[in-house]
Amino acid sequence: MSRDLDRLNRKIKASLQKDLGQTVKQLAIKLKVNRTFLAGYLRALEDQGYVRSKAIGPARVYFNESSKVEGDN
């Protein structure tokens, strides 16, 4: 299982580096994973400092950890 999560982490990071600011739905489609699972997983990664997010309208948009999110100081 750990290998699968490591692979998923790499795919998330690569996707967010390539296309900044993606929603859970966009990422789930690209990565071919369940949207509900991915939403929880991204929250956990954000809590650990691996990704960042920002609410934009009704969506939560995710960025890689090094991205500058508009509104940050």
N, C-alpha and C. Protein backbone atom coordinates (compact mmCIF):
# COMPACT_ATOMS: atom_id res chain seq x y z
N MET A 1 0.83 -1.21 0.00
CA MET A 1 0.00 0.00 0.00
C MET A 1 0.86 1.26 0.00
N SER A 2 1.96 1.22 0.73
CA SER A 2 2.83 2.37 0.82
C SER A 2 3.38 2.77 -0.55
N ARG A 3 3.72 1.77 -1.37
CA ARG A 3 4.20 2.08 -2.72
C ARG A 3 3.15 2.80 -3.53
N ASP A 4 1.89 2.36 -3.37
CA ASP A 4 0.80 3.01 -4.10
C ASP A 4 0.65 4.47 -3.67
N LEU A 5 0.76 4.73 -2.37
CA LEU A 5 0.64 6.11 -1.89
C LEU A 5 1.84 6.95 -2.31
N ASP A 6 3.03 6.34 -2.31
CA ASP A 6 4.21 7.06 -2.80
C ASP A 6 4.03 7.44 -4.26
N ARG A 7 3.52 6.51 -5.04
CA ARG A 7 3.28 6.77 -6.46
C ARG A 7 2.23 7.88 -6.62
N LEU A 8 1.17 7.81 -5.82
CA LEU A 8 0.13 8.84 -5.88
C LEU A 8 0.70 10.20 -5.49
N ASN A 9 1.54 10.24 -4.46
CA ASN A 9 2.17 11.50 -4.05
C ASN A 9 2.98 12.10 -5.20
N ARG A 10 3.76 11.26 -5.88
CA ARG A 10 4.57 11.74 -7.01
C ARG A 10 3.68 12.26 -8.13
N LYS A 11 2.59 11.56 -8.41
CA LYS A 11 1.68 11.98 -9.48
C LYS A 11 1.00 13.30 -9.13
N ILE A 12 0.59 13.45 -7.88
CA ILE A 12 -0.04 14.71 -7.44
C ILE A 12 0.95 15.85 -7.59
N LYS A 13 2.16 15.65 -7.09
CA LYS A 13 3.18 16.70 -7.15
C LYS A 13 3.48 17.08 -8.60
N ALA A 14 3.65 16.08 -9.47
CA ALA A 14 3.94 16.35 -10.88
C ALA A 14 2.80 17.10 -11.55
N SER A 15 1.57 16.69 -11.25
CA SER A 15 0.41 17.33 -11.86
C SER A 15 0.28 18.78 -11.41
N LEU A 16 0.53 19.03 -10.12
CA LEU A 16 0.42 20.40 -9.61
C LEU A 16 1.57 21.28 -10.08
N GLN A 17 2.73 20.69 -10.37
CA GLN A 17 3.84 21.48 -10.91
C GLN A 17 3.57 21.85 -12.36
N LYS A 18 2.95 20.92 -13.08
CA LYS A 18 2.68 21.16 -14.50
C LYS A 18 1.55 22.17 -14.69
N ASP A 19 0.45 21.98 -13.96
CA ASP A 19 -0.73 22.84 -14.07
C ASP A 19 -1.07 23.38 -12.69
N LEU A 20 -0.69 24.61 -12.43
CA LEU A 20 -0.93 25.20 -11.12
C LEU A 20 -2.41 25.43 -10.88
N GLY A 21 -2.84 25.21 -9.65
CA GLY A 21 -4.20 25.52 -9.26
C GLY A 21 -5.24 24.59 -9.85
N GLN A 22 -5.33 23.39 -9.32
CA GLN A 22 -6.30 22.41 -9.82
C GLN A 22 -7.29 22.03 -8.71
N THR A 23 -8.52 21.80 -9.11
CA THR A 23 -9.53 21.36 -8.16
C THR A 23 -9.40 19.86 -7.92
N VAL A 24 -10.07 19.39 -6.89
CA VAL A 24 -10.09 17.95 -6.59
C VAL A 24 -10.64 17.19 -7.79
N LYS A 25 -11.70 17.71 -8.39
CA LYS A 25 -12.30 17.03 -9.54
C LYS A 25 -11.31 16.90 -10.69
N GLN A 26 -10.61 17.98 -11.00
CA GLN A 26 -9.63 17.95 -12.08
C GLN A 26 -8.52 16.93 -11.79
N LEU A 27 -8.01 16.97 -10.57
CA LEU A 27 -6.95 16.03 -10.20
C LEU A 27 -7.44 14.59 -10.23
N ALA A 28 -8.64 14.35 -9.71
CA ALA A 28 -9.19 12.99 -9.67
C ALA A 28 -9.33 12.42 -11.07
N ILE A 29 -9.77 13.24 -12.00
CA ILE A 29 -9.91 12.78 -13.39
C ILE A 29 -8.53 12.45 -13.97
N LYS A 30 -7.57 13.35 -13.79
CA LYS A 30 -6.22 13.13 -14.33
C LYS A 30 -5.56 11.90 -13.73
N LEU A 31 -5.72 11.74 -12.40
CA LEU A 31 -5.03 10.66 -11.69
C LEU A 31 -5.83 9.36 -11.67
N LYS A 32 -7.08 9.44 -12.14
CA LYS A 32 -7.96 8.27 -12.17
C LYS A 32 -8.14 7.64 -10.79
N VAL A 33 -8.48 8.51 -9.82
CA VAL A 33 -8.77 8.06 -8.46
C VAL A 33 -10.12 8.62 -8.03
N ASN A 34 -10.68 8.02 -7.00
CA ASN A 34 -11.96 8.44 -6.45
C ASN A 34 -11.86 9.85 -5.90
N ARG A 35 -12.81 10.70 -6.26
CA ARG A 35 -12.78 12.11 -5.85
C ARG A 35 -12.89 12.28 -4.33
N THR A 36 -13.74 11.49 -3.69
CA THR A 36 -13.90 11.60 -2.24
C THR A 36 -12.61 11.20 -1.52
N PHE A 37 -12.00 10.10 -1.97
CA PHE A 37 -10.72 9.67 -1.40
C PHE A 37 -9.68 10.76 -1.58
N LEU A 38 -9.59 11.30 -2.79
CA LEU A 38 -8.57 12.30 -3.09
C LEU A 38 -8.76 13.57 -2.27
N ALA A 39 -9.99 13.98 -2.05
CA ALA A 39 -10.26 15.19 -1.25
C ALA A 39 -9.70 15.01 0.17
N GLY A 40 -9.96 13.88 0.77
CA GLY A 40 -9.43 13.62 2.11
C GLY A 40 -7.92 13.50 2.11
N TYR A 41 -7.38 12.86 1.10
CA TYR A 41 -5.94 12.68 0.99
C TYR A 41 -5.24 14.03 0.81
N LEU A 42 -5.81 14.90 -0.01
CA LEU A 42 -5.23 16.23 -0.21
C LEU A 42 -5.29 17.06 1.07
N ARG A 43 -6.37 16.92 1.84
CA ARG A 43 -6.45 17.63 3.13
C ARG A 43 -5.33 17.17 4.05
N ALA A 44 -5.08 15.86 4.08
CA ALA A 44 -4.00 15.32 4.91
C ALA A 44 -2.64 15.84 4.42
N LEU A 45 -2.43 15.87 3.11
CA LEU A 45 -1.17 16.39 2.57
C LEU A 45 -1.00 17.87 2.90
N GLU A 46 -2.11 18.61 2.88
CA GLU A 46 -2.04 20.03 3.22
C GLU A 46 -1.69 20.20 4.70
N ASP A 47 -2.29 19.40 5.57
CA ASP A 47 -1.98 19.46 7.00
C ASP A 47 -0.49 19.19 7.26
N GLN A 48 0.11 18.36 6.41
CA GLN A 48 1.53 18.02 6.54
C GLN A 48 2.44 19.00 5.81
N GLY A 49 1.86 19.96 5.09
CA GLY A 49 2.64 20.98 4.41
C GLY A 49 3.13 20.61 3.02
N TYR A 50 2.60 19.53 2.44
CA TYR A 50 3.05 19.10 1.12
C TYR A 50 2.33 19.80 -0.03
N VAL A 51 1.11 20.25 0.20
CA VAL A 51 0.35 21.00 -0.79
C VAL A 51 -0.32 22.17 -0.09
N ARG A 52 -0.81 23.11 -0.88
CA ARG A 52 -1.54 24.27 -0.34
C ARG A 52 -2.85 24.36 -1.08
N SER A 53 -3.81 25.00 -0.46
CA SER A 53 -5.09 25.18 -1.14
C SER A 53 -5.67 26.55 -0.83
N LYS A 54 -6.64 26.89 -1.67
CA LYS A 54 -7.36 28.15 -1.48
C LYS A 54 -8.77 27.95 -2.00
N ALA A 55 -9.74 28.45 -1.26
CA ALA A 55 -11.13 28.38 -1.72
C ALA A 55 -11.32 29.48 -2.76
N ILE A 56 -11.81 29.07 -3.92
CA ILE A 56 -12.13 30.02 -4.99
C ILE A 56 -13.56 29.71 -5.40
N GLY A 57 -14.46 30.57 -4.98
CA GLY A 57 -15.88 30.29 -5.18
C GLY A 57 -16.23 29.03 -4.41
N PRO A 58 -17.00 28.15 -5.00
CA PRO A 58 -17.40 26.93 -4.29
C PRO A 58 -16.32 25.84 -4.32
N ALA A 59 -15.25 26.05 -5.07
CA ALA A 59 -14.21 25.02 -5.22
C ALA A 59 -13.01 25.29 -4.33
N ARG A 60 -12.33 24.24 -3.96
CA ARG A 60 -11.05 24.34 -3.28
C ARG A 60 -10.00 23.99 -4.33
N VAL A 61 -9.06 24.91 -4.54
CA VAL A 61 -8.04 24.75 -5.56
C VAL A 61 -6.72 24.44 -4.88
N TYR A 62 -6.02 23.42 -5.40
CA TYR A 62 -4.77 22.96 -4.79
C TYR A 62 -3.57 23.38 -5.62
N PHE A 63 -2.47 23.65 -4.90
CA PHE A 63 -1.21 24.09 -5.47
C PHE A 63 -0.10 23.26 -4.85
N ASN A 64 1.06 23.18 -5.51
CA ASN A 64 2.17 22.50 -4.86
C ASN A 64 2.67 23.37 -3.72
N GLU A 65 3.45 22.78 -2.83
CA GLU A 65 3.86 23.46 -1.60
C GLU A 65 4.68 24.72 -1.85
N SER A 66 5.34 24.82 -2.98
CA SER A 66 6.19 25.98 -3.24
C SER A 66 5.49 27.08 -4.02
N SER A 67 4.22 26.85 -4.41
CA SER A 67 3.49 27.86 -5.17
C SER A 67 3.08 29.02 -4.29
N LYS A 68 3.18 30.20 -4.83
CA LYS A 68 2.70 31.38 -4.14
C LYS A 68 1.21 31.51 -4.45
N VAL A 69 0.38 31.45 -3.41
CA VAL A 69 -1.06 31.56 -3.59
C VAL A 69 -1.45 33.02 -3.41
N GLU A 70 -2.20 33.57 -4.38
CA GLU A 70 -2.62 34.97 -4.30
C GLU A 70 -3.31 35.22 -2.97
N GLY A 71 -2.92 36.29 -2.31
CA GLY A 71 -3.49 36.62 -1.01
C GLY A 71 -2.56 36.23 0.12
N ASP A 72 -1.49 35.45 -0.18
CA ASP A 72 -0.48 35.13 0.83
C ASP A 72 0.38 36.35 1.08
N ASN A 73 0.92 36.43 2.25
CA ASN A 73 1.83 37.53 2.58
C ASN A 73 3.24 37.17 2.24
